[in-house]
Amino acid sequence: MYVCSCFGVTEQQVKQHAENGACTPRQIASACKAGTDCGSCVRRIQALLGRGVCPRRELADEGKPVLASLEAPERLDEAA
């Protein structure tokens, strides 16, 4: 079944991109363009992503930083 008519992206393709690490509609868009034209498929993509397991989301839920850049940097004025 097609999720994105504009670019011919199927539900299976979205699921495959999610398995490969795309955990947000923006990451899906980067992978296959779905959601970047008319935008009518974004909610469907969100629903598909909400059902699956995202390795990055699991790390965030465990309290582990997803990326080092997401950690709050220490401020010099706080250390003094």
PDB file of N, CA and C in Angstrom:
ATOM      1  N   MET A   1       0.848  -1.179   0.000  1.00  0.00           N
ATOM      2  CA  MET A   1       0.000   0.000   0.000  1.00  0.00           C
ATOM      3  C   MET A   1       0.893   1.241   0.000  1.00  0.00           C
ATOM      4  N   TYR A   2       0.516   2.206  -0.830  1.00  0.00           N
ATOM      5  CA  TYR A   2       1.286   3.440  -0.915  1.00  0.00           C
ATOM      6  C   TYR A   2       1.006   4.334   0.285  1.00  0.00           C
ATOM      7  N   VAL A   3       2.089   4.890   0.825  1.00  0.00           N
ATOM      8  CA  VAL A   3       1.992   5.876   1.901  1.00  0.00           C
ATOM      9  C   VAL A   3       2.109   7.262   1.278  1.00  0.00           C
ATOM     10  N   CYS A   4       3.036   7.404   0.359  1.00  0.00           N
ATOM     11  CA  CYS A   4       3.292   8.684  -0.305  1.00  0.00           C
ATOM     12  C   CYS A   4       3.029   8.529  -1.803  1.00  0.00           C
ATOM     13  N   SER A   5       1.946   9.122  -2.251  1.00  0.00           N
ATOM     14  CA  SER A   5       1.590   9.052  -3.672  1.00  0.00           C
ATOM     15  C   SER A   5       2.517   9.904  -4.528  1.00  0.00           C
ATOM     16  N   CYS A   6       3.000  10.985  -3.966  1.00  0.00           N
ATOM     17  CA  CYS A   6       3.849  11.901  -4.734  1.00  0.00           C
ATOM     18  C   CYS A   6       5.136  11.232  -5.219  1.00  0.00           C
ATOM     19  N   PHE A   7       5.715  10.392  -4.367  1.00  0.00           N
ATOM     20  CA  PHE A   7       6.985   9.756  -4.712  1.00  0.00           C
ATOM     21  C   PHE A   7       6.885   8.235  -4.796  1.00  0.00           C
ATOM     22  N   GLY A   8       5.684   7.701  -4.706  1.00  0.00           N
ATOM     23  CA  GLY A   8       5.485   6.268  -4.849  1.00  0.00           C
ATOM     24  C   GLY A   8       6.148   5.443  -3.757  1.00  0.00           C
ATOM     25  N   VAL A   9       6.123   5.951  -2.524  1.00  0.00           N
ATOM     26  CA  VAL A   9       6.754   5.261  -1.399  1.00  0.00           C
ATOM     27  C   VAL A   9       5.705   4.395  -0.706  1.00  0.00           C
ATOM     28  N   THR A  10       6.053   3.133  -0.512  1.00  0.00           N
ATOM     29  CA  THR A  10       5.110   2.198   0.096  1.00  0.00           C
ATOM     30  C   THR A  10       5.306   2.115   1.606  1.00  0.00           C
ATOM     31  N   GLU A  11       4.312   1.521   2.246  1.00  0.00           N
ATOM     32  CA  GLU A  11       4.373   1.284   3.684  1.00  0.00           C
ATOM     33  C   GLU A  11       5.586   0.410   4.017  1.00  0.00           C
ATOM     34  N   GLN A  12       5.830  -0.588   3.193  1.00  0.00           N
ATOM     35  CA  GLN A  12       6.974  -1.480   3.406  1.00  0.00           C
ATOM     36  C   GLN A  12       8.292  -0.716   3.322  1.00  0.00           C
ATOM     37  N   GLN A  13       8.402   0.219   2.401  1.00  0.00           N
ATOM     38  CA  GLN A  13       9.629   1.007   2.281  1.00  0.00           C
ATOM     39  C   GLN A  13       9.844   1.872   3.518  1.00  0.00           C
ATOM     40  N   VAL A  14       8.772   2.473   4.021  1.00  0.00           N
ATOM     41  CA  VAL A  14       8.880   3.286   5.238  1.00  0.00           C
ATOM     42  C   VAL A  14       9.340   2.401   6.396  1.00  0.00           C
ATOM     43  N   LYS A  15       8.760   1.218   6.517  1.00  0.00           N
ATOM     44  CA  LYS A  15       9.156   0.295   7.585  1.00  0.00           C
ATOM     45  C   LYS A  15      10.620  -0.107   7.447  1.00  0.00           C
ATOM     46  N   GLN A  16      11.067  -0.314   6.224  1.00  0.00           N
ATOM     47  CA  GLN A  16      12.472  -0.686   5.993  1.00  0.00           C
ATOM     48  C   GLN A  16      13.400   0.445   6.407  1.00  0.00           C
ATOM     49  N   HIS A  17      13.052   1.674   6.054  1.00  0.00           N
ATOM     50  CA  HIS A  17      13.875   2.819   6.459  1.00  0.00           C
ATOM     51  C   HIS A  17      13.893   2.947   7.977  1.00  0.00           C
ATOM     52  N   ALA A  18      12.757   2.680   8.616  1.00  0.00           N
ATOM     53  CA  ALA A  18      12.698   2.726  10.078  1.00  0.00           C
ATOM     54  C   ALA A  18      13.604   1.655  10.683  1.00  0.00           C
ATOM     55  N   GLU A  19      13.609   0.465  10.101  1.00  0.00           N
ATOM     56  CA  GLU A  19      14.493  -0.601  10.581  1.00  0.00           C
ATOM     57  C   GLU A  19      15.957  -0.222  10.416  1.00  0.00           C
ATOM     58  N   ASN A  20      16.230   0.585   9.410  1.00  0.00           N
ATOM     59  CA  ASN A  20      17.600   1.039   9.156  1.00  0.00           C
ATOM     60  C   ASN A  20      17.980   2.249   9.997  1.00  0.00           C
ATOM     61  N   GLY A  21      17.058   2.709  10.868  1.00  0.00           N
ATOM     62  CA  GLY A  21      17.412   3.778  11.801  1.00  0.00           C
ATOM     63  C   GLY A  21      16.664   5.086  11.659  1.00  0.00           C
ATOM     64  N   ALA A  22      15.816   5.225  10.658  1.00  0.00           N
ATOM     65  CA  ALA A  22      15.041   6.465  10.509  1.00  0.00           C
ATOM     66  C   ALA A  22      13.879   6.437  11.501  1.00  0.00           C
ATOM     67  N   CYS A  23      13.917   7.309  12.489  1.00  0.00           N
ATOM     68  CA  CYS A  23      12.935   7.259  13.576  1.00  0.00           C
ATOM     69  C   CYS A  23      11.937   8.411  13.560  1.00  0.00           C
ATOM     70  N   THR A  24      12.092   9.339  12.655  1.00  0.00           N
ATOM     71  CA  THR A  24      11.186  10.485  12.584  1.00  0.00           C
ATOM     72  C   THR A  24      10.743  10.690  11.135  1.00  0.00           C
ATOM     73  N   PRO A  25       9.629  11.380  10.927  1.00  0.00           N
ATOM     74  CA  PRO A  25       9.216  11.683   9.560  1.00  0.00           C
ATOM     75  C   PRO A  25      10.297  12.436   8.778  1.00  0.00           C
ATOM     76  N   ARG A  26      11.044  13.284   9.443  1.00  0.00           N
ATOM     77  CA  ARG A  26      12.113  14.029   8.771  1.00  0.00           C
ATOM     78  C   ARG A  26      13.211  13.079   8.286  1.00  0.00           C
ATOM     79  N   GLN A  27      13.542  12.087   9.099  1.00  0.00           N
ATOM     80  CA  GLN A  27      14.553  11.115   8.693  1.00  0.00           C
ATOM     81  C   GLN A  27      14.044  10.231   7.559  1.00  0.00           C
ATOM     82  N   ILE A  28      12.770   9.904   7.587  1.00  0.00           N
ATOM     83  CA  ILE A  28      12.174   9.157   6.474  1.00  0.00           C
ATOM     84  C   ILE A  28      12.247  10.003   5.205  1.00  0.00           C
ATOM     85  N   ALA A  29      11.944  11.287   5.324  1.00  0.00           N
ATOM     86  CA  ALA A  29      12.008  12.188   4.174  1.00  0.00           C
ATOM     87  C   ALA A  29      13.418  12.244   3.594  1.00  0.00           C
ATOM     88  N   SER A  30      14.406  12.271   4.455  1.00  0.00           N
ATOM     89  CA  SER A  30      15.796  12.283   3.981  1.00  0.00           C
ATOM     90  C   SER A  30      16.147  10.997   3.255  1.00  0.00           C
ATOM     91  N   ALA A  31      15.544   9.903   3.698  1.00  0.00           N
ATOM     92  CA  ALA A  31      15.856   8.605   3.108  1.00  0.00           C
ATOM     93  C   ALA A  31      15.170   8.382   1.766  1.00  0.00           C
ATOM     94  N   CYS A  32      13.923   8.894   1.608  1.00  0.00           N
ATOM     95  CA  CYS A  32      13.172   8.528   0.395  1.00  0.00           C
ATOM     96  C   CYS A  32      12.266   9.642  -0.154  1.00  0.00           C
ATOM     97  N   LYS A  33      12.322  10.834   0.402  1.00  0.00           N
ATOM     98  CA  LYS A  33      11.539  11.991  -0.022  1.00  0.00           C
ATOM     99  C   LYS A  33      10.077  11.969   0.425  1.00  0.00           C
ATOM    100  N   ALA A  34       9.607  10.872   1.001  1.00  0.00           N
ATOM    101  CA  ALA A  34       8.201  10.813   1.421  1.00  0.00           C
ATOM    102  C   ALA A  34       7.911  11.936   2.408  1.00  0.00           C
ATOM    103  N   GLY A  35       6.833  12.651   2.155  1.00  0.00           N
ATOM    104  CA  GLY A  35       6.433  13.747   3.031  1.00  0.00           C
ATOM    105  C   GLY A  35       6.984  15.100   2.658  1.00  0.00           C
ATOM    106  N   THR A  36       7.763  15.168   1.580  1.00  0.00           N
ATOM    107  CA  THR A  36       8.399  16.443   1.230  1.00  0.00           C
ATOM    108  C   THR A  36       7.675  17.235   0.146  1.00  0.00           C
ATOM    109  N   ASP A  37       6.638  16.661  -0.453  1.00  0.00           N
ATOM    110  CA  ASP A  37       5.932  17.392  -1.509  1.00  0.00           C
ATOM    111  C   ASP A  37       4.645  17.984  -0.948  1.00  0.00           C
ATOM    112  N   CYS A  38       3.563  17.271  -0.998  1.00  0.00           N
ATOM    113  CA  CYS A  38       2.287  17.834  -0.532  1.00  0.00           C
ATOM    114  C   CYS A  38       2.118  17.711   0.977  1.00  0.00           C
ATOM    115  N   GLY A  39       2.796  16.742   1.597  1.00  0.00           N
ATOM    116  CA  GLY A  39       2.750  16.597   3.045  1.00  0.00           C
ATOM    117  C   GLY A  39       1.577  15.805   3.590  1.00  0.00           C
ATOM    118  N   SER A  40       0.705  15.329   2.720  1.00  0.00           N
ATOM    119  CA  SER A  40      -0.484  14.622   3.205  1.00  0.00           C
ATOM    120  C   SER A  40      -0.154  13.264   3.824  1.00  0.00           C
ATOM    121  N   CYS A  41       1.032  12.745   3.598  1.00  0.00           N
ATOM    122  CA  CYS A  41       1.397  11.426   4.122  1.00  0.00           C
ATOM    123  C   CYS A  41       2.129  11.492   5.463  1.00  0.00           C
ATOM    124  N   VAL A  42       2.445  12.676   5.934  1.00  0.00           N
ATOM    125  CA  VAL A  42       3.257  12.798   7.144  1.00  0.00           C
ATOM    126  C   VAL A  42       2.592  12.138   8.350  1.00  0.00           C
ATOM    127  N   ARG A  43       1.298  12.317   8.508  1.00  0.00           N
ATOM    128  CA  ARG A  43       0.604  11.690   9.640  1.00  0.00           C
ATOM    129  C   ARG A  43       0.630  10.170   9.539  1.00  0.00           C
ATOM    130  N   ARG A  44       0.507   9.655   8.347  1.00  0.00           N
ATOM    131  CA  ARG A  44       0.568   8.204   8.144  1.00  0.00           C
ATOM    132  C   ARG A  44       1.968   7.687   8.479  1.00  0.00           C
ATOM    133  N   ILE A  45       2.980   8.437   8.082  1.00  0.00           N
ATOM    134  CA  ILE A  45       4.359   8.069   8.401  1.00  0.00           C
ATOM    135  C   ILE A  45       4.565   8.087   9.914  1.00  0.00           C
ATOM    136  N   GLN A  46       4.043   9.120  10.572  1.00  0.00           N
ATOM    137  CA  GLN A  46       4.142   9.191  12.031  1.00  0.00           C
ATOM    138  C   GLN A  46       3.477   7.982  12.677  1.00  0.00           C
ATOM    139  N   ALA A  47       2.332   7.588  12.166  1.00  0.00           N
ATOM    140  CA  ALA A  47       1.617   6.435  12.716  1.00  0.00           C
ATOM    141  C   ALA A  47       2.428   5.156  12.530  1.00  0.00           C
ATOM    142  N   LEU A  48       3.040   4.997  11.368  1.00  0.00           N
ATOM    143  CA  LEU A  48       3.862   3.814  11.121  1.00  0.00           C
ATOM    144  C   LEU A  48       5.077   3.782  12.050  1.00  0.00           C
ATOM    145  N   LEU A  49       5.687   4.907  12.252  1.00  0.00           N
ATOM    146  CA  LEU A  49       6.854   4.976  13.127  1.00  0.00           C
ATOM    147  C   LEU A  49       6.474   4.754  14.583  1.00  0.00           C
ATOM    148  N   GLY A  50       5.278   5.163  14.951  1.00  0.00           N
ATOM    149  CA  GLY A  50       4.826   5.002  16.324  1.00  0.00           C
ATOM    150  C   GLY A  50       4.595   3.559  16.703  1.00  0.00           C
ATOM    151  N   ARG A  51       4.339   2.708  15.732  1.00  0.00           N
ATOM    152  CA  ARG A  51       4.067   1.294  15.992  1.00  0.00           C
ATOM    153  C   ARG A  51       5.329   0.468  16.129  1.00  0.00           C
ATOM    154  N   GLY A  52       6.393   0.908  15.498  1.00  0.00           N
ATOM    155  CA  GLY A  52       7.614   0.113  15.473  1.00  0.00           C
ATOM    156  C   GLY A  52       8.532   0.426  16.634  1.00  0.00           C
ATOM    157  N   VAL A  53       9.614  -0.310  16.693  1.00  0.00           N
ATOM    158  CA  VAL A  53      10.620  -0.098  17.715  1.00  0.00           C
ATOM    159  C   VAL A  53      11.779   0.655  17.072  1.00  0.00           C
ATOM    160  N   CYS A  54      12.140   1.742  17.681  1.00  0.00           N
ATOM    161  CA  CYS A  54      13.239   2.552  17.169  1.00  0.00           C
ATOM    162  C   CYS A  54      14.434   2.389  18.105  1.00  0.00           C
ATOM    163  N   PRO A  55      15.551   1.892  17.608  1.00  0.00           N
ATOM    164  CA  PRO A  55      16.721   1.719  18.484  1.00  0.00           C
ATOM    165  C   PRO A  55      17.131   3.017  19.153  1.00  0.00           C
ATOM    166  N   ARG A  56      17.047   4.116  18.453  1.00  0.00           N
ATOM    167  CA  ARG A  56      17.423   5.403  19.043  1.00  0.00           C
ATOM    168  C   ARG A  56      16.456   5.794  20.146  1.00  0.00           C
ATOM    169  N   ARG A  57      15.174   5.529  19.936  1.00  0.00           N
ATOM    170  CA  ARG A  57      14.178   5.843  20.943  1.00  0.00           C
ATOM    171  C   ARG A  57      14.393   4.997  22.200  1.00  0.00           C
ATOM    172  N   GLU A  58      14.774   3.725  22.013  1.00  0.00           N
ATOM    173  CA  GLU A  58      15.054   2.855  23.153  1.00  0.00           C
ATOM    174  C   GLU A  58      16.212   3.404  23.976  1.00  0.00           C
ATOM    175  N   LEU A  59      17.257   3.884  23.318  1.00  0.00           N
ATOM    176  CA  LEU A  59      18.392   4.463  24.038  1.00  0.00           C
ATOM    177  C   LEU A  59      17.966   5.690  24.825  1.00  0.00           C
ATOM    178  N   ALA A  60      17.140   6.527  24.220  1.00  0.00           N
ATOM    179  CA  ALA A  60      16.676   7.730  24.899  1.00  0.00           C
ATOM    180  C   ALA A  60      15.818   7.358  26.109  1.00  0.00           C
ATOM    181  N   ASP A  61      15.000   6.328  25.970  1.00  0.00           N
ATOM    182  CA  ASP A  61      14.149   5.897  27.071  1.00  0.00           C
ATOM    183  C   ASP A  61      14.967   5.349  28.231  1.00  0.00           C
ATOM    184  N   GLU A  62      16.119   4.784  27.947  1.00  0.00           N
ATOM    185  CA  GLU A  62      16.970   4.232  28.987  1.00  0.00           C
ATOM    186  C   GLU A  62      17.816   5.304  29.654  1.00  0.00           C
ATOM    187  N   GLY A  63      17.694   6.536  29.178  1.00  0.00           N
ATOM    188  CA  GLY A  63      18.461   7.619  29.765  1.00  0.00           C
ATOM    189  C   GLY A  63      19.847   7.784  29.178  1.00  0.00           C
ATOM    190  N   LYS A  64      20.148   7.021  28.147  1.00  0.00           N
ATOM    191  CA  LYS A  64      21.442   7.126  27.492  1.00  0.00           C
ATOM    192  C   LYS A  64      21.344   8.187  26.405  1.00  0.00           C
ATOM    193  N   PRO A  65      22.389   8.972  26.236  1.00  0.00           N
ATOM    194  CA  PRO A  65      22.343   9.978  25.174  1.00  0.00           C
ATOM    195  C   PRO A  65      22.334   9.319  23.808  1.00  0.00           C
ATOM    196  N   VAL A  66      21.511   9.844  22.914  1.00  0.00           N
ATOM    197  CA  VAL A  66      21.430   9.326  21.560  1.00  0.00           C
ATOM    198  C   VAL A  66      22.675   9.740  20.789  1.00  0.00           C
ATOM    199  N   LEU A  67      23.016  10.969  20.889  1.00  0.00           N
ATOM    200  CA  LEU A  67      24.222  11.505  20.275  1.00  0.00           C
ATOM    201  C   LEU A  67      24.930  12.365  21.304  1.00  0.00           C
ATOM    202  N   ALA A  68      26.223  12.397  21.251  1.00  0.00           N
ATOM    203  CA  ALA A  68      26.961  13.209  22.209  1.00  0.00           C
ATOM    204  C   ALA A  68      26.555  14.674  22.117  1.00  0.00           C
ATOM    205  N   SER A  69      26.180  15.123  20.924  1.00  0.00           N
ATOM    206  CA  SER A  69      25.803  16.522  20.747  1.00  0.00           C
ATOM    207  C   SER A  69      24.488  16.861  21.435  1.00  0.00           C
ATOM    208  N   LEU A  70      23.702  15.845  21.818  1.00  0.00           N
ATOM    209  CA  LEU A  70      22.443  16.101  22.509  1.00  0.00           C
ATOM    210  C   LEU A  70      22.643  16.334  23.999  1.00  0.00           C
ATOM    211  N   GLU A  71      23.803  15.957  24.525  1.00  0.00           N
ATOM    212  CA  GLU A  71      24.061  16.172  25.932  1.00  0.00           C
ATOM    213  C   GLU A  71      24.260  17.654  26.172  1.00  0.00           C
ATOM    214  N   ALA A  72      23.771  18.111  27.295  1.00  0.00           N
ATOM    215  CA  ALA A  72      23.913  19.527  27.630  1.00  0.00           C
ATOM    216  C   ALA A  72      25.372  19.807  27.969  1.00  0.00           C
ATOM    217  N   PRO A  73      26.001  20.725  27.271  1.00  0.00           N
ATOM    218  CA  PRO A  73      27.397  21.032  27.570  1.00  0.00           C
ATOM    219  C   PRO A  73      27.491  21.791  28.899  1.00  0.00           C
ATOM    220  N   GLU A  74      28.559  21.560  29.614  1.00  0.00           N
ATOM    221  CA  GLU A  74      28.754  22.296  30.856  1.00  0.00           C
ATOM    222  C   GLU A  74      29.103  23.734  30.516  1.00  0.00           C
ATOM    223  N   ARG A  75      28.551  24.628  31.286  1.00  0.00           N
ATOM    224  CA  ARG A  75      28.828  26.035  31.054  1.00  0.00           C
ATOM    225  C   ARG A  75      29.952  26.466  31.974  1.00  0.00           C
ATOM    226  N   LEU A  76      30.821  27.287  31.490  1.00  0.00           N
ATOM    227  CA  LEU A  76      31.954  27.722  32.279  1.00  0.00           C
ATOM    228  C   LEU A  76      31.525  28.486  33.512  1.00  0.00           C
ATOM    229  N   ASP A  77      30.472  29.315  33.377  1.00  0.00           N
ATOM    230  CA  ASP A  77      30.045  30.123  34.518  1.00  0.00           C
ATOM    231  C   ASP A  77      29.396  29.265  35.604  1.00  0.00           C
ATOM    232  N   GLU A  78      28.899  28.076  35.283  1.00  0.00           N
ATOM    233  CA  GLU A  78      28.315  27.188  36.267  1.00  0.00           C
ATOM    234  C   GLU A  78      29.412  26.433  37.040  1.00  0.00           C
ATOM    235  N   ALA A  79      30.541  26.209  36.390  1.00  0.00           N
ATOM    236  CA  ALA A  79      31.615  25.469  37.026  1.00  0.00           C
ATOM    237  C   ALA A  79      32.355  26.319  38.051  1.00  0.00           C
ATOM    238  N   ALA A  80      32.276  27.613  37.948  1.00  0.00           N
ATOM    239  CA  ALA A  80      33.011  28.508  38.846  1.00  0.00           C
ATOM    240  C   ALA A  80      32.348  28.686  40.177  1.00  0.00           C
TER     241      ALA A  80
END
